[in-house]
Amino acid sequence: MKKIILSLLLLTNLFAEGTQETLIFVSDDLKSLTKYKSIRHENGGVKQFLLGENFNKSTITYIKPNKYEWKKDTFDDVQQDTLYFPDTTNYAYLQNLLIDIVKIKEEEYFLQIDGGECVGEGCFNDENIISIVLPKRFKITTAESFEDTNGQYQHNKNANFKLIENTLTLYTTNVKGAIAKIWFIDNSENASIYKNVSNSMENYSQVSVKKTDAQTKIIMPMDNLFSSGNAVMKKQGKEWLSALFDAVKGKKYLEIRVEGHSDNIPIHNQKYASNWELSAARASDAVKYLIKKGIYQDKLAAVGYSSTRPLVKNNSVKSRAKNRRIEITIVGQKAE
């Protein structure tokens, strides 16, 4: 099981009461996030964020208060880049980060956020609050809290989580540090379409199904759909398209685009002057069958590409067979 843990470790020298807040906004493509980190104290004085060795200062876009310095400080025998405030009770920064979240399984993701911890023997946070805001198309399915109350992080089965739609907040009190772990799924219509289509095609090993954020693409070998030189669909092709229809029935999408692709061997018969006509006729035949099954014609498009968009070089019998194909792209609705 693969997973990427995003650990945003923040160390600060809280020896007395204080509140740490970490607010995370995850981008829709799951490739970046914005983090707002703030700490509040009842009493003023010198405060600092220890941000690690060789910290990339260019990721910081905002700091308050305005009176601060970048310094070097040693922690655990390592020189840390330190954001130093000479006298304040409330200090914060805003940071943009690139992340790389790998799916645990199809459409399920894992994310870990470290809310930071105080440095020093006997220090603790009055409150350590972590809020994670996901794009609306995602749904949080599981959350766990790990809290340091005695020098060691332990799983708190009775953690104080609050979930409102796509925003999860973890409230902890009297802890040295806190970590929130979440599991979430893509709950969009596009993800549902991809799942349905994948399930409907899993018994057909020749058919491949791929997905991007807004599209589901199905690739069907042409030789299974049509006989050489004609555009009359075989029984196998009708079975595949019927399964596809069942998968998308009742789903919301912008368009189903059917593309015909040929190899580079020229054709010329009484009905088709070239591969342009043949590839377009095959795409049209597939569209007509989908209309007959019940898909609205204003949701369909047919196009023939001849041999202009090969998947591989047309240099062998096997490669030419791979290039002869029908590609069906389901264009999903724009994610919120």
C-alpha atoms as a PDB file:
ATOM      1  CA  MET A   1       0.000   0.000   0.000  1.00  0.00           C
ATOM      2  CA  LYS A   2       1.553   3.261  -1.132  1.00  0.00           C
ATOM      3  CA  LYS A   3       1.023   6.518   0.604  1.00  0.00           C
ATOM      4  CA  ILE A   4       2.712   9.861   0.836  1.00  0.00           C
ATOM      5  CA  ILE A   5       2.760  11.504   4.244  1.00  0.00           C
ATOM      6  CA  LEU A   6       2.790  15.260   4.199  1.00  0.00           C
ATOM      7  CA  SER A   7       4.463  16.259   7.425  1.00  0.00           C
ATOM      8  CA  LEU A   8       4.551  19.950   8.177  1.00  0.00           C
ATOM      9  CA  LEU A   9       6.648  20.042  11.311  1.00  0.00           C
ATOM     10  CA  LEU A  10       6.704  23.291  13.177  1.00  0.00           C
ATOM     11  CA  LEU A  11       8.807  23.744  16.283  1.00  0.00           C
ATOM     12  CA  THR A  12       8.516  26.724  18.562  1.00  0.00           C
ATOM     13  CA  ASN A  13       9.767  27.466  22.056  1.00  0.00           C
ATOM     14  CA  LEU A  14       6.492  27.453  23.999  1.00  0.00           C
ATOM     15  CA  PHE A  15       7.333  26.914  27.640  1.00  0.00           C
ATOM     16  CA  ALA A  16       4.041  28.255  28.907  1.00  0.00           C
ATOM     17  CA  GLU A  17       0.464  28.540  27.794  1.00  0.00           C
ATOM     18  CA  GLY A  18      -0.299  29.229  24.139  1.00  0.00           C
ATOM     19  CA  THR A  19      -2.451  28.263  21.198  1.00  0.00           C
ATOM     20  CA  GLN A  20      -1.151  26.890  17.910  1.00  0.00           C
ATOM     21  CA  GLU A  21      -3.391  26.892  14.855  1.00  0.00           C
ATOM     22  CA  THR A  22      -2.591  25.261  11.518  1.00  0.00           C
ATOM     23  CA  LEU A  23      -4.976  25.890   8.632  1.00  0.00           C
ATOM     24  CA  ILE A  24      -4.441  23.892   5.426  1.00  0.00           C
ATOM     25  CA  PHE A  25      -6.082  24.529   2.033  1.00  0.00           C
ATOM     26  CA  VAL A  26      -5.448  21.685  -0.437  1.00  0.00           C
ATOM     27  CA  SER A  27      -5.558  22.485  -4.173  1.00  0.00           C
ATOM     28  CA  ASP A  28      -8.070  20.748  -6.427  1.00  0.00           C
ATOM     29  CA  ASP A  29      -5.357  18.791  -8.276  1.00  0.00           C
ATOM     30  CA  LEU A  30      -3.784  17.659  -4.964  1.00  0.00           C
ATOM     31  CA  LYS A  31      -0.419  19.012  -6.080  1.00  0.00           C
ATOM     32  CA  SER A  32      -0.111  22.019  -3.786  1.00  0.00           C
ATOM     33  CA  LEU A  33      -1.446  23.542  -0.603  1.00  0.00           C
ATOM     34  CA  THR A  34      -1.578  26.809   1.251  1.00  0.00           C
ATOM     35  CA  LYS A  35      -0.763  26.751   4.954  1.00  0.00           C
ATOM     36  CA  TYR A  36      -1.582  29.469   7.473  1.00  0.00           C
ATOM     37  CA  LYS A  37       0.262  28.979  10.780  1.00  0.00           C
ATOM     38  CA  SER A  38      -0.411  31.162  13.812  1.00  0.00           C
ATOM     39  CA  ILE A  39       0.517  31.098  17.494  1.00  0.00           C
ATOM     40  CA  ARG A  40      -1.000  33.181  20.270  1.00  0.00           C
ATOM     41  CA  HIS A  41       0.285  33.824  23.806  1.00  0.00           C
ATOM     42  CA  GLU A  42      -1.104  35.700  26.754  1.00  0.00           C
ATOM     43  CA  ASN A  43       2.321  37.173  27.484  1.00  0.00           C
ATOM     44  CA  GLY A  44       4.700  38.966  25.133  1.00  0.00           C
ATOM     45  CA  GLY A  45       8.410  38.450  24.664  1.00  0.00           C
ATOM     46  CA  VAL A  46      10.792  36.765  22.245  1.00  0.00           C
ATOM     47  CA  LYS A  47       9.076  34.191  20.013  1.00  0.00           C
ATOM     48  CA  GLN A  48      10.278  32.073  17.108  1.00  0.00           C
ATOM     49  CA  PHE A  49       9.439  29.430  14.542  1.00  0.00           C
ATOM     50  CA  LEU A  50      12.120  26.787  14.028  1.00  0.00           C
ATOM     51  CA  LEU A  51      11.569  25.821  10.399  1.00  0.00           C
ATOM     52  CA  GLY A  52      14.234  23.224   9.757  1.00  0.00           C
ATOM     53  CA  GLU A  53      17.570  22.967   8.004  1.00  0.00           C
ATOM     54  CA  ASN A  54      17.934  24.686   4.603  1.00  0.00           C
ATOM     55  CA  PHE A  55      14.359  25.945   4.739  1.00  0.00           C
ATOM     56  CA  ASN A  56      13.076  27.400   1.448  1.00  0.00           C
ATOM     57  CA  LYS A  57      12.180  30.946   2.463  1.00  0.00           C
ATOM     58  CA  SER A  58      10.658  31.700  -0.951  1.00  0.00           C
ATOM     59  CA  THR A  59       7.630  29.543  -0.034  1.00  0.00           C
ATOM     60  CA  ILE A  60       6.624  32.099   2.630  1.00  0.00           C
ATOM     61  CA  THR A  61       4.255  34.725   1.202  1.00  0.00           C
ATOM     62  CA  TYR A  62       3.200  36.605   4.336  1.00  0.00           C
ATOM     63  CA  ILE A  63       4.544  37.126   7.877  1.00  0.00           C
ATOM     64  CA  LYS A  64       3.107  38.987  10.837  1.00  0.00           C
ATOM     65  CA  PRO A  65       4.008  41.052  12.759  1.00  0.00           C
ATOM     66  CA  ASN A  66       6.199  42.999  10.358  1.00  0.00           C
ATOM     67  CA  LYS A  67       9.041  43.197  12.834  1.00  0.00           C
ATOM     68  CA  TYR A  68      10.909  39.891  12.399  1.00  0.00           C
ATOM     69  CA  GLU A  69      14.331  38.479  11.487  1.00  0.00           C
ATOM     70  CA  TRP A  70      15.658  35.337   9.867  1.00  0.00           C
ATOM     71  CA  LYS A  71      18.281  33.697  12.069  1.00  0.00           C
ATOM     72  CA  LYS A  72      20.053  30.389  12.577  1.00  0.00           C
ATOM     73  CA  ASP A  73      19.358  28.398  15.756  1.00  0.00           C
ATOM     74  CA  THR A  74      20.567  24.985  16.866  1.00  0.00           C
ATOM     75  CA  PHE A  75      18.091  22.268  17.792  1.00  0.00           C
ATOM     76  CA  ASP A  76      19.013  18.597  18.205  1.00  0.00           C
ATOM     77  CA  ASP A  77      22.548  19.500  17.065  1.00  0.00           C
ATOM     78  CA  VAL A  78      21.198  20.791  13.736  1.00  0.00           C
ATOM     79  CA  GLN A  79      21.284  24.393  12.619  1.00  0.00           C
ATOM     80  CA  GLN A  80      17.706  25.450  11.938  1.00  0.00           C
ATOM     81  CA  ASP A  81      16.434  28.373   9.905  1.00  0.00           C
ATOM     82  CA  THR A  82      14.503  30.430  12.442  1.00  0.00           C
ATOM     83  CA  LEU A  83      11.840  33.068  12.005  1.00  0.00           C
ATOM     84  CA  TYR A  84      12.539  35.330  15.000  1.00  0.00           C
ATOM     85  CA  PHE A  85      10.183  37.873  16.608  1.00  0.00           C
ATOM     86  CA  PRO A  86      11.718  40.147  19.288  1.00  0.00           C
ATOM     87  CA  ASP A  87       8.509  40.951  21.175  1.00  0.00           C
ATOM     88  CA  THR A  88       4.983  39.766  20.363  1.00  0.00           C
ATOM     89  CA  THR A  89       2.008  37.821  21.641  1.00  0.00           C
ATOM     90  CA  ASN A  90       0.614  36.791  18.249  1.00  0.00           C
ATOM     91  CA  TYR A  91       2.660  35.732  15.237  1.00  0.00           C
ATOM     92  CA  ALA A  92       1.937  33.899  11.983  1.00  0.00           C
ATOM     93  CA  TYR A  93       2.971  33.151   8.436  1.00  0.00           C
ATOM     94  CA  LEU A  94       1.379  32.064   5.144  1.00  0.00           C
ATOM     95  CA  GLN A  95       3.133  29.454   3.022  1.00  0.00           C
ATOM     96  CA  ASN A  96       2.599  27.844  -0.403  1.00  0.00           C
ATOM     97  CA  LEU A  97       3.907  24.305  -0.822  1.00  0.00           C
ATOM     98  CA  LEU A  98       4.063  21.714  -3.568  1.00  0.00           C
ATOM     99  CA  ILE A  99       2.998  18.240  -2.486  1.00  0.00           C
ATOM    100  CA  ASP A 100       2.846  14.804  -4.091  1.00  0.00           C
ATOM    101  CA  ILE A 101       0.005  12.695  -2.787  1.00  0.00           C
ATOM    102  CA  VAL A 102      -0.072   9.133  -4.120  1.00  0.00           C
ATOM    103  CA  LYS A 103      -3.311   7.220  -4.204  1.00  0.00           C
ATOM    104  CA  ILE A 104      -3.669   4.429  -1.639  1.00  0.00           C
ATOM    105  CA  LYS A 105      -6.028   2.793  -4.116  1.00  0.00           C
ATOM    106  CA  GLU A 106      -8.163   4.106  -6.934  1.00  0.00           C
ATOM    107  CA  GLU A 107      -9.734   7.418  -5.904  1.00  0.00           C
ATOM    108  CA  GLU A 108      -8.650   7.088  -2.237  1.00  0.00           C
ATOM    109  CA  TYR A 109      -5.967   9.292  -0.716  1.00  0.00           C
ATOM    110  CA  PHE A 110      -4.066   9.749   2.526  1.00  0.00           C
ATOM    111  CA  LEU A 111      -2.784  12.948   4.089  1.00  0.00           C
ATOM    112  CA  GLN A 112      -0.967  13.627   7.351  1.00  0.00           C
ATOM    113  CA  ILE A 113      -0.621  17.108   8.813  1.00  0.00           C
ATOM    114  CA  ASP A 114       1.714  17.814  11.709  1.00  0.00           C
ATOM    115  CA  GLY A 115       0.336  20.698  13.745  1.00  0.00           C
ATOM    116  CA  GLY A 116       3.729  21.347  15.333  1.00  0.00           C
ATOM    117  CA  GLU A 117       5.027  20.964  18.840  1.00  0.00           C
ATOM    118  CA  CYS A 118       6.604  23.112  21.491  1.00  0.00           C
ATOM    119  CA  VAL A 119      10.288  22.779  22.367  1.00  0.00           C
ATOM    120  CA  GLY A 120      11.555  22.327  25.888  1.00  0.00           C
ATOM    121  CA  GLU A 121      11.073  20.132  28.917  1.00  0.00           C
ATOM    122  CA  GLY A 122       7.599  20.409  30.373  1.00  0.00           C
ATOM    123  CA  CYS A 123       6.247  22.733  27.706  1.00  0.00           C
ATOM    124  CA  PHE A 124       2.736  22.292  26.420  1.00  0.00           C
ATOM    125  CA  ASN A 125       0.130  24.019  24.273  1.00  0.00           C
ATOM    126  CA  ASP A 126      -3.102  25.163  25.816  1.00  0.00           C
ATOM    127  CA  GLU A 127      -4.575  24.351  22.401  1.00  0.00           C
ATOM    128  CA  ASN A 128      -3.244  22.812  19.222  1.00  0.00           C
ATOM    129  CA  ILE A 129      -5.805  23.181  16.445  1.00  0.00           C
ATOM    130  CA  ILE A 130      -5.479  21.694  12.951  1.00  0.00           C
ATOM    131  CA  SER A 131      -7.993  22.498  10.200  1.00  0.00           C
ATOM    132  CA  ILE A 132      -7.844  20.879   6.756  1.00  0.00           C
ATOM    133  CA  VAL A 133      -9.954  22.194   3.887  1.00  0.00           C
ATOM    134  CA  LEU A 134     -10.297  19.892   0.871  1.00  0.00           C
ATOM    135  CA  PRO A 135     -11.804  20.764  -2.523  1.00  0.00           C
ATOM    136  CA  LYS A 136     -15.548  20.143  -2.631  1.00  0.00           C
ATOM    137  CA  ARG A 137     -15.264  17.042  -4.812  1.00  0.00           C
ATOM    138  CA  PHE A 138     -13.532  15.121  -2.027  1.00  0.00           C
ATOM    139  CA  LYS A 139     -15.107  13.413   0.949  1.00  0.00           C
ATOM    140  CA  ILE A 140     -13.242  12.604   4.173  1.00  0.00           C
ATOM    141  CA  THR A 141     -13.932   9.012   5.189  1.00  0.00           C
ATOM    142  CA  THR A 142     -11.614   8.460   8.174  1.00  0.00           C
ATOM    143  CA  ALA A 143      -9.634  10.660  10.563  1.00  0.00           C
ATOM    144  CA  GLU A 144      -7.181   9.871  13.337  1.00  0.00           C
ATOM    145  CA  SER A 145      -5.399  12.020  15.913  1.00  0.00           C
ATOM    146  CA  PHE A 146      -1.977  11.371  17.398  1.00  0.00           C
ATOM    147  CA  GLU A 147      -1.163  13.534  20.401  1.00  0.00           C
ATOM    148  CA  ASP A 148       1.967  14.010  22.505  1.00  0.00           C
ATOM    149  CA  THR A 149       1.053  14.420  26.158  1.00  0.00           C
ATOM    150  CA  ASN A 150       4.032  12.723  27.824  1.00  0.00           C
ATOM    151  CA  GLY A 151       6.899  12.860  25.355  1.00  0.00           C
ATOM    152  CA  GLN A 152       5.471  10.286  22.951  1.00  0.00           C
ATOM    153  CA  TYR A 153       2.815  10.486  20.265  1.00  0.00           C
ATOM    154  CA  GLN A 154      -0.126   8.183  20.893  1.00  0.00           C
ATOM    155  CA  HIS A 155      -3.344   7.527  19.032  1.00  0.00           C
ATOM    156  CA  ASN A 156      -6.287   9.240  20.718  1.00  0.00           C
ATOM    157  CA  LYS A 157      -9.359   7.162  19.907  1.00  0.00           C
ATOM    158  CA  ASN A 158     -11.587   9.824  21.524  1.00  0.00           C
ATOM    159  CA  ALA A 159     -10.143  12.767  19.620  1.00  0.00           C
ATOM    160  CA  ASN A 160     -12.211  15.908  19.272  1.00  0.00           C
ATOM    161  CA  PHE A 161     -12.839  16.135  15.523  1.00  0.00           C
ATOM    162  CA  LYS A 162     -15.424  18.343  13.870  1.00  0.00           C
ATOM    163  CA  LEU A 163     -16.348  17.698  10.235  1.00  0.00           C
ATOM    164  CA  ILE A 164     -18.411  20.193   8.232  1.00  0.00           C
ATOM    165  CA  GLU A 165     -18.734  19.170   4.570  1.00  0.00           C
ATOM    166  CA  ASN A 166     -15.159  19.096   3.225  1.00  0.00           C
ATOM    167  CA  THR A 167     -13.500  20.800   6.227  1.00  0.00           C
ATOM    168  CA  LEU A 168     -12.113  18.797   9.148  1.00  0.00           C
ATOM    169  CA  THR A 169     -10.885  20.396  12.375  1.00  0.00           C
ATOM    170  CA  LEU A 170      -8.992  18.668  15.169  1.00  0.00           C
ATOM    171  CA  TYR A 171      -9.106  20.321  18.603  1.00  0.00           C
ATOM    172  CA  THR A 172      -6.521  19.242  21.171  1.00  0.00           C
ATOM    173  CA  THR A 173      -5.740  20.736  24.581  1.00  0.00           C
ATOM    174  CA  ASN A 174      -2.787  20.504  26.984  1.00  0.00           C
ATOM    175  CA  VAL A 175      -0.550  18.699  24.510  1.00  0.00           C
ATOM    176  CA  LYS A 176       3.052  19.082  23.463  1.00  0.00           C
ATOM    177  CA  GLY A 177       2.162  18.379  19.833  1.00  0.00           C
ATOM    178  CA  ALA A 178      -0.585  17.011  17.603  1.00  0.00           C
ATOM    179  CA  ILE A 179      -0.846  15.208  14.265  1.00  0.00           C
ATOM    180  CA  ALA A 180      -3.980  14.729  12.155  1.00  0.00           C
ATOM    181  CA  LYS A 181      -4.261  11.864   9.676  1.00  0.00           C
ATOM    182  CA  ILE A 182      -7.082  11.749   7.143  1.00  0.00           C
ATOM    183  CA  TRP A 183      -8.262   9.383   4.441  1.00  0.00           C
ATOM    184  CA  PHE A 184     -10.473  10.802   1.715  1.00  0.00           C
ATOM    185  CA  ILE A 185     -12.047   9.847  -1.591  1.00  0.00           C
ATOM    186  CA  ASP A 186     -12.947  11.607  -4.813  1.00  0.00           C
ATOM    187  CA  ASN A 187     -16.715  11.883  -4.496  1.00  0.00           C
ATOM    188  CA  SER A 188     -17.306  13.659  -7.811  1.00  0.00           C
ATOM    189  CA  GLU A 189     -19.537  12.521 -10.643  1.00  0.00           C
ATOM    190  CA  ASN A 190     -16.434  12.122 -12.813  1.00  0.00           C
ATOM    191  CA  ALA A 191     -14.913   9.677 -10.340  1.00  0.00           C
ATOM    192  CA  SER A 192     -18.186   7.767 -10.169  1.00  0.00           C
ATOM    193  CA  ILE A 193     -18.279   7.496 -13.969  1.00  0.00           C
ATOM    194  CA  TYR A 194     -14.725   6.181 -14.069  1.00  0.00           C
ATOM    195  CA  LYS A 195     -15.478   3.605 -11.388  1.00  0.00           C
ATOM    196  CA  ASN A 196     -18.618   2.409 -13.178  1.00  0.00           C
ATOM    197  CA  VAL A 197     -16.880   2.177 -16.530  1.00  0.00           C
ATOM    198  CA  SER A 198     -13.876   0.343 -15.051  1.00  0.00           C
ATOM    199  CA  ASN A 199     -16.160  -2.169 -13.370  1.00  0.00           C
ATOM    200  CA  SER A 200     -18.190  -2.678 -16.537  1.00  0.00           C
ATOM    201  CA  MET A 201     -15.060  -3.400 -18.596  1.00  0.00           C
ATOM    202  CA  GLU A 202     -13.110  -5.516 -16.126  1.00  0.00           C
ATOM    203  CA  ASN A 203     -14.236  -8.760 -17.831  1.00  0.00           C
ATOM    204  CA  TYR A 204     -12.938  -7.561 -21.205  1.00  0.00           C
ATOM    205  CA  SER A 205      -9.160  -7.809 -20.999  1.00  0.00           C
ATOM    206  CA  GLN A 206      -8.668  -6.237 -24.440  1.00  0.00           C
ATOM    207  CA  VAL A 207     -10.322  -2.973 -23.355  1.00  0.00           C
ATOM    208  CA  SER A 208      -8.353  -0.399 -21.353  1.00  0.00           C
ATOM    209  CA  VAL A 209      -9.831   2.366 -19.207  1.00  0.00           C
ATOM    210  CA  LYS A 210      -7.891   5.451 -18.116  1.00  0.00           C
ATOM    211  CA  LYS A 211      -8.788   8.576 -16.183  1.00  0.00           C
ATOM    212  CA  THR A 212      -7.750  12.174 -15.790  1.00  0.00           C
ATOM    213  CA  ASP A 213      -9.378  14.650 -13.409  1.00  0.00           C
ATOM    214  CA  ALA A 214     -12.233  15.396 -15.817  1.00  0.00           C
ATOM    215  CA  GLN A 215     -12.163  12.603 -18.395  1.00  0.00           C
ATOM    216  CA  THR A 216     -12.567   8.854 -18.658  1.00  0.00           C
ATOM    217  CA  LYS A 217     -10.985   7.296 -21.739  1.00  0.00           C
ATOM    218  CA  ILE A 218     -11.835   3.829 -23.072  1.00  0.00           C
ATOM    219  CA  ILE A 219      -9.627   2.238 -25.744  1.00  0.00           C
ATOM    220  CA  MET A 220     -11.105  -0.649 -27.753  1.00  0.00           C
ATOM    221  CA  PRO A 221      -9.098  -2.622 -30.347  1.00  0.00           C
ATOM    222  CA  MET A 222     -10.599  -1.997 -33.780  1.00  0.00           C
ATOM    223  CA  ASP A 223     -10.193  -5.600 -34.924  1.00  0.00           C
ATOM    224  CA  ASN A 224     -12.630  -6.725 -32.216  1.00  0.00           C
ATOM    225  CA  LEU A 225     -15.213  -4.178 -33.330  1.00  0.00           C
ATOM    226  CA  PHE A 226     -15.090  -4.227 -37.123  1.00  0.00           C
ATOM    227  CA  SER A 227     -14.001  -6.555 -39.901  1.00  0.00           C
ATOM    228  CA  SER A 228     -11.239  -5.382 -42.220  1.00  0.00           C
ATOM    229  CA  GLY A 229     -12.281  -2.678 -44.637  1.00  0.00           C
ATOM    230  CA  ASN A 230     -15.832  -2.106 -43.387  1.00  0.00           C
ATOM    231  CA  ALA A 231     -17.750  -0.132 -40.760  1.00  0.00           C
ATOM    232  CA  VAL A 232     -20.405  -2.634 -39.719  1.00  0.00           C
ATOM    233  CA  MET A 233     -19.975  -3.369 -36.030  1.00  0.00           C
ATOM    234  CA  LYS A 234     -19.411  -6.936 -34.868  1.00  0.00           C
ATOM    235  CA  LYS A 235     -21.294  -8.635 -32.053  1.00  0.00           C
ATOM    236  CA  GLN A 236     -18.264  -8.154 -29.749  1.00  0.00           C
ATOM    237  CA  GLY A 237     -18.295  -4.418 -30.330  1.00  0.00           C
ATOM    238  CA  LYS A 238     -22.000  -4.167 -29.559  1.00  0.00           C
ATOM    239  CA  GLU A 239     -21.456  -6.073 -26.323  1.00  0.00           C
ATOM    240  CA  TRP A 240     -18.712  -3.646 -25.243  1.00  0.00           C
ATOM    241  CA  LEU A 241     -20.757  -0.559 -26.121  1.00  0.00           C
ATOM    242  CA  SER A 242     -23.798  -1.975 -24.339  1.00  0.00           C
ATOM    243  CA  ALA A 243     -21.693  -2.410 -21.201  1.00  0.00           C
ATOM    244  CA  LEU A 244     -20.471   1.173 -21.573  1.00  0.00           C
ATOM    245  CA  PHE A 245     -24.024   2.457 -21.922  1.00  0.00           C
ATOM    246  CA  ASP A 246     -25.074   0.663 -18.731  1.00  0.00           C
ATOM    247  CA  ALA A 247     -22.094   2.232 -16.909  1.00  0.00           C
ATOM    248  CA  VAL A 248     -22.971   5.829 -17.818  1.00  0.00           C
ATOM    249  CA  LYS A 249     -26.747   5.543 -17.684  1.00  0.00           C
ATOM    250  CA  GLY A 250     -28.101   8.237 -15.367  1.00  0.00           C
ATOM    251  CA  LYS A 251     -24.695   9.929 -14.996  1.00  0.00           C
ATOM    252  CA  LYS A 252     -23.982  13.594 -15.705  1.00  0.00           C
ATOM    253  CA  TYR A 253     -21.293  14.458 -18.250  1.00  0.00           C
ATOM    254  CA  LEU A 254     -20.662  17.052 -20.932  1.00  0.00           C
ATOM    255  CA  GLU A 255     -19.947  14.823 -23.911  1.00  0.00           C
ATOM    256  CA  ILE A 256     -19.017  11.348 -25.123  1.00  0.00           C
ATOM    257  CA  ARG A 257     -16.517  11.693 -27.946  1.00  0.00           C
ATOM    258  CA  VAL A 258     -15.912   8.650 -30.187  1.00  0.00           C
ATOM    259  CA  GLU A 259     -12.721   8.598 -32.268  1.00  0.00           C
ATOM    260  CA  GLY A 260     -11.791   6.214 -35.061  1.00  0.00           C
ATOM    261  CA  HIS A 261      -8.078   5.466 -35.589  1.00  0.00           C
ATOM    262  CA  SER A 262      -6.424   3.402 -38.307  1.00  0.00           C
ATOM    263  CA  ASP A 263      -2.926   2.137 -39.068  1.00  0.00           C
ATOM    264  CA  ASN A 264      -0.797   3.518 -41.910  1.00  0.00           C
ATOM    265  CA  ILE A 265      -1.660   0.875 -44.498  1.00  0.00           C
ATOM    266  CA  PRO A 266      -3.607   2.647 -47.271  1.00  0.00           C
ATOM    267  CA  ILE A 267      -7.096   1.434 -48.113  1.00  0.00           C
ATOM    268  CA  HIS A 268      -9.111   1.951 -51.240  1.00  0.00           C
ATOM    269  CA  ASN A 269     -12.298   0.103 -51.981  1.00  0.00           C
ATOM    270  CA  GLN A 270     -15.627   0.887 -53.530  1.00  0.00           C
ATOM    271  CA  LYS A 271     -17.012   2.362 -50.312  1.00  0.00           C
ATOM    272  CA  TYR A 272     -14.026   4.095 -48.661  1.00  0.00           C
ATOM    273  CA  ALA A 273     -11.484   6.076 -50.622  1.00  0.00           C
ATOM    274  CA  SER A 274      -8.995   6.241 -47.735  1.00  0.00           C
ATOM    275  CA  ASN A 275      -8.491   5.618 -44.032  1.00  0.00           C
ATOM    276  CA  TRP A 276      -9.999   9.047 -43.371  1.00  0.00           C
ATOM    277  CA  GLU A 277     -13.413   7.920 -44.588  1.00  0.00           C
ATOM    278  CA  LEU A 278     -13.114   4.492 -42.961  1.00  0.00           C
ATOM    279  CA  SER A 279     -12.075   5.752 -39.514  1.00  0.00           C
ATOM    280  CA  ALA A 280     -14.846   8.380 -39.544  1.00  0.00           C
ATOM    281  CA  ALA A 281     -17.455   5.825 -40.657  1.00  0.00           C
ATOM    282  CA  ARG A 282     -16.486   3.452 -37.844  1.00  0.00           C
ATOM    283  CA  ALA A 283     -16.713   6.228 -35.243  1.00  0.00           C
ATOM    284  CA  SER A 284     -20.112   7.206 -36.653  1.00  0.00           C
ATOM    285  CA  ASP A 285     -21.349   3.619 -36.510  1.00  0.00           C
ATOM    286  CA  ALA A 286     -20.369   3.405 -32.834  1.00  0.00           C
ATOM    287  CA  VAL A 287     -22.176   6.691 -32.129  1.00  0.00           C
ATOM    288  CA  LYS A 288     -25.312   5.471 -33.902  1.00  0.00           C
ATOM    289  CA  TYR A 289     -25.321   2.353 -31.757  1.00  0.00           C
ATOM    290  CA  LEU A 290     -25.022   4.422 -28.551  1.00  0.00           C
ATOM    291  CA  ILE A 291     -27.918   6.616 -29.723  1.00  0.00           C
ATOM    292  CA  LYS A 292     -29.962   3.486 -30.363  1.00  0.00           C
ATOM    293  CA  LYS A 293     -29.181   2.319 -26.819  1.00  0.00           C
ATOM    294  CA  GLY A 294     -30.529   5.576 -25.392  1.00  0.00           C
ATOM    295  CA  ILE A 295     -27.762   8.191 -25.166  1.00  0.00           C
ATOM    296  CA  TYR A 296     -28.952  11.633 -26.288  1.00  0.00           C
ATOM    297  CA  GLN A 297     -27.415  12.547 -29.634  1.00  0.00           C
ATOM    298  CA  ASP A 298     -26.527  16.058 -28.470  1.00  0.00           C
ATOM    299  CA  LYS A 299     -24.171  14.423 -25.957  1.00  0.00           C
ATOM    300  CA  LEU A 300     -22.257  12.539 -28.667  1.00  0.00           C
ATOM    301  CA  ALA A 301     -19.562  13.366 -31.196  1.00  0.00           C
ATOM    302  CA  ALA A 302     -17.840  11.223 -33.850  1.00  0.00           C
ATOM    303  CA  VAL A 303     -14.505  11.953 -35.500  1.00  0.00           C
ATOM    304  CA  GLY A 304     -12.084  10.021 -37.696  1.00  0.00           C
ATOM    305  CA  TYR A 305      -8.340  10.578 -37.399  1.00  0.00           C
ATOM    306  CA  SER A 306      -7.114   8.078 -39.981  1.00  0.00           C
ATOM    307  CA  SER A 307      -3.499   7.153 -39.066  1.00  0.00           C
ATOM    308  CA  THR A 308      -2.498  10.632 -37.827  1.00  0.00           C
ATOM    309  CA  ARG A 309      -2.494   9.821 -34.084  1.00  0.00           C
ATOM    310  CA  PRO A 310      -0.775   6.468 -33.585  1.00  0.00           C
ATOM    311  CA  LEU A 311      -0.137   5.105 -30.101  1.00  0.00           C
ATOM    312  CA  VAL A 312       3.096   3.448 -31.279  1.00  0.00           C
ATOM    313  CA  LYS A 313       5.175   3.394 -34.454  1.00  0.00           C
ATOM    314  CA  ASN A 314       3.561   1.534 -37.336  1.00  0.00           C
ATOM    315  CA  ASN A 315       6.588  -0.712 -37.847  1.00  0.00           C
ATOM    316  CA  SER A 316       5.189  -4.206 -37.227  1.00  0.00           C
ATOM    317  CA  VAL A 317       2.011  -6.257 -37.478  1.00  0.00           C
ATOM    318  CA  LYS A 318       1.568  -6.046 -33.707  1.00  0.00           C
ATOM    319  CA  SER A 319       2.080  -2.274 -33.512  1.00  0.00           C
ATOM    320  CA  ARG A 320      -0.280  -1.594 -36.407  1.00  0.00           C
ATOM    321  CA  ALA A 321      -2.961  -3.687 -34.670  1.00  0.00           C
ATOM    322  CA  LYS A 322      -2.497  -1.550 -31.541  1.00  0.00           C
ATOM    323  CA  ASN A 323      -2.984   1.641 -33.524  1.00  0.00           C
ATOM    324  CA  ARG A 324      -6.231   0.391 -35.083  1.00  0.00           C
ATOM    325  CA  ARG A 325      -8.667   1.341 -32.368  1.00  0.00           C
ATOM    326  CA  ILE A 326     -11.768   3.157 -31.228  1.00  0.00           C
ATOM    327  CA  GLU A 327     -11.149   5.678 -28.423  1.00  0.00           C
ATOM    328  CA  ILE A 328     -14.158   6.834 -26.436  1.00  0.00           C
ATOM    329  CA  THR A 329     -13.654   9.841 -24.185  1.00  0.00           C
ATOM    330  CA  ILE A 330     -16.281  10.744 -21.598  1.00  0.00           C
ATOM    331  CA  VAL A 331     -15.803  14.438 -20.890  1.00  0.00           C
ATOM    332  CA  GLY A 332     -16.908  15.052 -17.335  1.00  0.00           C
ATOM    333  CA  GLN A 333     -18.331  18.154 -15.769  1.00  0.00           C
ATOM    334  CA  LYS A 334     -15.921  20.704 -14.382  1.00  0.00           C
ATOM    335  CA  ALA A 335     -15.027  19.950 -10.755  1.00  0.00           C
ATOM    336  CA  GLU A 336     -16.275  22.464  -8.193  1.00  0.00           C
END
